[in-house]
C-alpha atoms as a PDB file:
ATOM      1  CA  MET A   1     -65.506  12.040 -17.441  1.00  0.00           C
ATOM      2  CA  ALA A   2     -64.217   8.487 -17.553  1.00  0.00           C
ATOM      3  CA  LEU A   3     -60.668   7.360 -17.125  1.00  0.00           C
ATOM      4  CA  SER A   4     -59.361   4.650 -19.349  1.00  0.00           C
ATOM      5  CA  LEU A   5     -56.373   2.498 -18.710  1.00  0.00           C
ATOM      6  CA  THR A   6     -54.419   1.060 -21.570  1.00  0.00           C
ATOM      7  CA  THR A   7     -52.201  -1.939 -21.433  1.00  0.00           C
ATOM      8  CA  ALA A   8     -49.881  -0.702 -24.155  1.00  0.00           C
ATOM      9  CA  LEU A   9     -46.542   0.428 -22.852  1.00  0.00           C
ATOM     10  CA  PRO A  10     -44.998   3.517 -24.412  1.00  0.00           C
ATOM     11  CA  PHE A  11     -41.582   1.871 -24.571  1.00  0.00           C
ATOM     12  CA  LYS A  12     -40.923  -1.670 -25.629  1.00  0.00           C
ATOM     13  CA  ARG A  13     -38.057  -3.465 -24.028  1.00  0.00           C
ATOM     14  CA  THR A  14     -35.873  -5.293 -26.457  1.00  0.00           C
ATOM     15  CA  PRO A  15     -34.443  -8.564 -25.202  1.00  0.00           C
ATOM     16  CA  ARG A  16     -30.707  -8.599 -24.636  1.00  0.00           C
ATOM     17  CA  GLU A  17     -28.433 -10.869 -26.535  1.00  0.00           C
ATOM     18  CA  PRO A  18     -26.816 -13.696 -24.594  1.00  0.00           C
ATOM     19  CA  LEU A  19     -23.339 -13.058 -23.281  1.00  0.00           C
ATOM     20  CA  ARG A  20     -20.410 -13.900 -25.493  1.00  0.00           C
ATOM     21  CA  GLN A  21     -17.113 -14.930 -23.965  1.00  0.00           C
ATOM     22  CA  GLU A  22     -15.176 -12.119 -25.591  1.00  0.00           C
ATOM     23  CA  GLU A  23     -17.565  -9.538 -24.067  1.00  0.00           C
ATOM     24  CA  ILE A  24     -16.672 -10.355 -20.474  1.00  0.00           C
ATOM     25  CA  GLN A  25     -13.221  -9.271 -19.382  1.00  0.00           C
ATOM     26  CA  PRO A  26     -11.584  -9.669 -15.970  1.00  0.00           C
ATOM     27  CA  LEU A  27     -11.594  -6.680 -13.655  1.00  0.00           C
ATOM     28  CA  SER A  28      -8.576  -4.407 -13.846  1.00  0.00           C
ATOM     29  CA  PRO A  29      -5.859  -4.497 -11.168  1.00  0.00           C
ATOM     30  CA  TRP A  30      -6.638  -0.877 -10.205  1.00  0.00           C
ATOM     31  CA  PHE A  31     -10.127  -2.031  -9.167  1.00  0.00           C
ATOM     32  CA  PHE A  32      -8.601  -4.433  -6.662  1.00  0.00           C
ATOM     33  CA  ALA A  33      -6.171  -1.740  -5.470  1.00  0.00           C
ATOM     34  CA  PHE A  34      -9.043   0.698  -4.834  1.00  0.00           C
ATOM     35  CA  GLU A  35     -11.064  -1.925  -2.988  1.00  0.00           C
ATOM     36  CA  GLY A  36      -8.035  -2.987  -0.954  1.00  0.00           C
ATOM     37  CA  LEU A  37      -7.496   0.630   0.083  1.00  0.00           C
ATOM     38  CA  MET A  38     -11.138   0.877   1.111  1.00  0.00           C
ATOM     39  CA  GLY A  39     -10.631  -2.263   3.215  1.00  0.00           C
ATOM     40  CA  ALA A  40      -7.720  -0.553   4.981  1.00  0.00           C
ATOM     41  CA  ALA A  41      -9.458   2.839   5.246  1.00  0.00           C
ATOM     42  CA  TYR A  42     -10.207   2.550   8.964  1.00  0.00           C
ATOM     43  CA  ASP A  43      -6.574   2.031   9.896  1.00  0.00           C
ATOM     44  CA  VAL A  44      -5.338   4.638   7.432  1.00  0.00           C
ATOM     45  CA  ALA A  45      -7.739   7.149   9.022  1.00  0.00           C
ATOM     46  CA  LYS A  46      -6.484   6.144  12.487  1.00  0.00           C
ATOM     47  CA  LEU A  47      -2.878   6.732  11.397  1.00  0.00           C
ATOM     48  CA  HIS A  48      -3.648  10.099   9.807  1.00  0.00           C
ATOM     49  CA  PRO A  49      -6.868  11.699  11.097  1.00  0.00           C
ATOM     50  CA  ASP A  50      -7.076  14.056   8.114  1.00  0.00           C
ATOM     51  CA  ALA A  51      -6.893  11.142   5.654  1.00  0.00           C
ATOM     52  CA  TRP A  52     -10.679  10.738   5.671  1.00  0.00           C
ATOM     53  CA  MET A  53     -10.888  13.575   3.099  1.00  0.00           C
ATOM     54  CA  VAL A  54      -8.469  11.808   0.762  1.00  0.00           C
ATOM     55  CA  LEU A  55     -10.208   8.461   1.323  1.00  0.00           C
ATOM     56  CA  SER A  56     -13.595  10.030   0.576  1.00  0.00           C
ATOM     57  CA  GLY A  57     -12.205  11.557  -2.605  1.00  0.00           C
ATOM     58  CA  LEU A  58     -10.683   8.242  -3.658  1.00  0.00           C
ATOM     59  CA  GLY A  59     -14.004   6.533  -2.940  1.00  0.00           C
ATOM     60  CA  LEU A  60     -15.774   8.996  -5.239  1.00  0.00           C
ATOM     61  CA  VAL A  61     -13.121   8.520  -7.918  1.00  0.00           C
ATOM     62  CA  ASN A  62     -13.590   4.760  -7.546  1.00  0.00           C
ATOM     63  CA  MET A  63     -17.334   5.122  -8.102  1.00  0.00           C
ATOM     64  CA  VAL A  64     -17.003   7.461 -11.102  1.00  0.00           C
ATOM     65  CA  VAL A  65     -14.310   5.372 -12.752  1.00  0.00           C
ATOM     66  CA  GLY A  66     -16.287   2.243 -11.977  1.00  0.00           C
ATOM     67  CA  PHE A  67     -19.371   3.578 -13.735  1.00  0.00           C
ATOM     68  CA  THR A  68     -17.412   4.790 -16.766  1.00  0.00           C
ATOM     69  CA  VAL A  69     -14.414   2.532 -17.335  1.00  0.00           C
ATOM     70  CA  LEU A  70     -16.099  -0.619 -16.081  1.00  0.00           C
ATOM     71  CA  GLY A  71     -18.965  -0.146 -18.540  1.00  0.00           C
ATOM     72  CA  LYS A  72     -17.826  -3.124 -20.601  1.00  0.00           C
ATOM     73  CA  ARG A  73     -17.288  -5.174 -17.466  1.00  0.00           C
ATOM     74  CA  ARG A  74     -20.622  -4.255 -15.915  1.00  0.00           C
ATOM     75  CA  LYS A  75     -22.045  -7.708 -16.688  1.00  0.00           C
ATOM     76  CA  LEU A  76     -19.265  -9.353 -14.699  1.00  0.00           C
ATOM     77  CA  VAL A  77     -19.724  -6.941 -11.792  1.00  0.00           C
ATOM     78  CA  ARG A  78     -23.478  -7.632 -11.784  1.00  0.00           C
ATOM     79  CA  ALA A  79     -22.861 -11.374 -11.830  1.00  0.00           C
ATOM     80  CA  MET A  80     -20.451 -11.016  -8.913  1.00  0.00           C
ATOM     81  CA  LEU A  81     -22.866  -8.840  -6.905  1.00  0.00           C
ATOM     82  CA  LYS A  82     -25.893 -11.076  -7.494  1.00  0.00           C
ATOM     83  CA  ASN A  83     -24.408 -14.149  -5.907  1.00  0.00           C
ATOM     84  CA  GLY A  84     -24.438 -14.695  -2.175  1.00  0.00           C
ATOM     85  CA  ARG A  85     -20.692 -15.260  -2.118  1.00  0.00           C
ATOM     86  CA  SER A  86     -20.001 -11.525  -2.520  1.00  0.00           C
ATOM     87  CA  ARG A  87     -22.264 -10.700   0.420  1.00  0.00           C
ATOM     88  CA  LYS A  88     -20.495 -13.372   2.461  1.00  0.00           C
ATOM     89  CA  ILE A  89     -17.178 -11.714   1.617  1.00  0.00           C
ATOM     90  CA  LEU A  90     -18.509  -8.315   2.730  1.00  0.00           C
ATOM     91  CA  PHE A  91     -19.874  -9.629   6.003  1.00  0.00           C
ATOM     92  CA  GLY A  92     -16.767 -11.782   6.488  1.00  0.00           C
ATOM     93  CA  LEU A  93     -14.500  -8.735   6.203  1.00  0.00           C
ATOM     94  CA  ILE A  94     -16.651  -6.848   8.712  1.00  0.00           C
ATOM     95  CA  ALA A  95     -16.640  -9.858  11.034  1.00  0.00           C
ATOM     96  CA  LEU A  96     -12.854 -10.127  10.700  1.00  0.00           C
ATOM     97  CA  ARG A  97     -12.418  -6.475  11.673  1.00  0.00           C
ATOM     98  CA  VAL A  98     -14.809  -6.730  14.642  1.00  0.00           C
ATOM     99  CA  GLY A  99     -13.436 -10.136  15.635  1.00  0.00           C
ATOM    100  CA  VAL A 100      -9.820  -8.957  15.738  1.00  0.00           C
ATOM    101  CA  HIS A 101     -10.756  -5.947  17.851  1.00  0.00           C
ATOM    102  CA  GLY A 102     -12.929  -8.132  20.108  1.00  0.00           C
ATOM    103  CA  LEU A 103     -10.150 -10.680  20.561  1.00  0.00           C
ATOM    104  CA  LEU A 104      -7.662  -7.938  21.359  1.00  0.00           C
ATOM    105  CA  ALA A 105     -10.125  -6.449  23.860  1.00  0.00           C
ATOM    106  CA  LEU A 106     -10.394  -9.847  25.570  1.00  0.00           C
ATOM    107  CA  LEU A 107      -6.617  -9.932  25.787  1.00  0.00           C
ATOM    108  CA  GLY A 108      -6.641  -6.456  27.328  1.00  0.00           C
ATOM    109  CA  THR A 109      -4.984  -4.601  24.476  1.00  0.00           C
ATOM    110  CA  GLN A 110      -5.903  -2.651  21.351  1.00  0.00           C
ATOM    111  CA  VAL A 111      -4.304  -1.840  18.025  1.00  0.00           C
ATOM    112  CA  GLU A 112      -2.226   1.206  18.825  1.00  0.00           C
ATOM    113  CA  GLY A 113       0.664   2.999  17.232  1.00  0.00           C
ATOM    114  CA  THR A 114       1.871   3.236  13.696  1.00  0.00           C
ATOM    115  CA  ALA A 115       3.158  -0.331  13.423  1.00  0.00           C
ATOM    116  CA  GLY A 116      -0.108  -1.843  14.670  1.00  0.00           C
ATOM    117  CA  HIS A 117      -2.282   0.161  12.309  1.00  0.00           C
ATOM    118  CA  LEU A 118       0.055  -0.469   9.362  1.00  0.00           C
ATOM    119  CA  ALA A 119      -0.026  -4.211  10.071  1.00  0.00           C
ATOM    120  CA  MET A 120      -3.824  -4.219  10.379  1.00  0.00           C
ATOM    121  CA  ALA A 121      -4.149  -2.150   7.176  1.00  0.00           C
ATOM    122  CA  ALA A 122      -1.881  -4.599   5.336  1.00  0.00           C
ATOM    123  CA  VAL A 123      -3.886  -7.588   6.569  1.00  0.00           C
ATOM    124  CA  MET A 124      -7.213  -5.999   5.604  1.00  0.00           C
ATOM    125  CA  THR A 125      -5.885  -4.951   2.180  1.00  0.00           C
ATOM    126  CA  ALA A 126      -4.463  -8.388   1.421  1.00  0.00           C
ATOM    127  CA  THR A 127      -7.625 -10.117   2.632  1.00  0.00           C
ATOM    128  CA  THR A 128      -9.908  -7.824   0.608  1.00  0.00           C
ATOM    129  CA  VAL A 129      -7.894  -8.176  -2.602  1.00  0.00           C
ATOM    130  CA  GLY A 130      -7.491 -11.933  -2.175  1.00  0.00           C
ATOM    131  CA  LEU A 131     -11.181 -12.571  -1.549  1.00  0.00           C
ATOM    132  CA  LEU A 132     -12.317 -10.335  -4.423  1.00  0.00           C
ATOM    133  CA  TRP A 133      -9.872 -12.003  -6.805  1.00  0.00           C
ATOM    134  CA  TYR A 134     -11.133 -15.418  -5.657  1.00  0.00           C
ATOM    135  CA  ASP A 135     -14.746 -14.299  -6.131  1.00  0.00           C
ATOM    136  CA  GLN A 136     -13.973 -13.139  -9.676  1.00  0.00           C
ATOM    137  CA  ARG A 137     -12.263 -16.435 -10.453  1.00  0.00           C
ATOM    138  CA  VAL A 138     -15.174 -18.498  -9.150  1.00  0.00           C
ATOM    139  CA  THR A 139     -17.639 -16.288 -11.063  1.00  0.00           C
ATOM    140  CA  PHE A 140     -15.691 -16.856 -14.295  1.00  0.00           C
ATOM    141  CA  ARG A 141     -15.815 -20.600 -13.708  1.00  0.00           C
ATOM    142  CA  ALA A 142     -19.534 -20.519 -12.892  1.00  0.00           C
ATOM    143  CA  LEU A 143     -20.236 -18.578 -16.110  1.00  0.00           C
ATOM    144  CA  GLY A 144     -18.148 -21.074 -18.060  1.00  0.00           C
ATOM    145  CA  LEU A 145     -15.484 -18.560 -19.002  1.00  0.00           C
ATOM    146  CA  ALA A 146     -11.953 -19.871 -18.901  1.00  0.00           C
ATOM    147  CA  ARG A 147      -9.440 -17.103 -18.123  1.00  0.00           C
END
């Protein structure tokens, strides 16, 4: 019994149409709010140890809503994730967190108490939202979309 291989594919891929400007919309403000909260999650969990359950739930809601509501904006999200700038933002936020704690350790102190964790959460939220907004703006300019 001989095996035969065919080169015909059972499904043909149809080429996608080029992007039109009206198809790509900016990300919603709630997206930035969710991501800012995720940037502050460590300090929120330090303030309230049981908050990890709420943060996990909000993370799941973020993913579900992102897959459903952001369907029309998926092209923009893909464009933002493909560039190296987004990875630099991710690693920059991690480096900021580790760097602040390392600097405080060199000074012989740590972030403690409600005020310290609230301040650190505010800084991480503002930094996350600001960098993501900047990344979206630069992506729009790179794609030639004036918004």
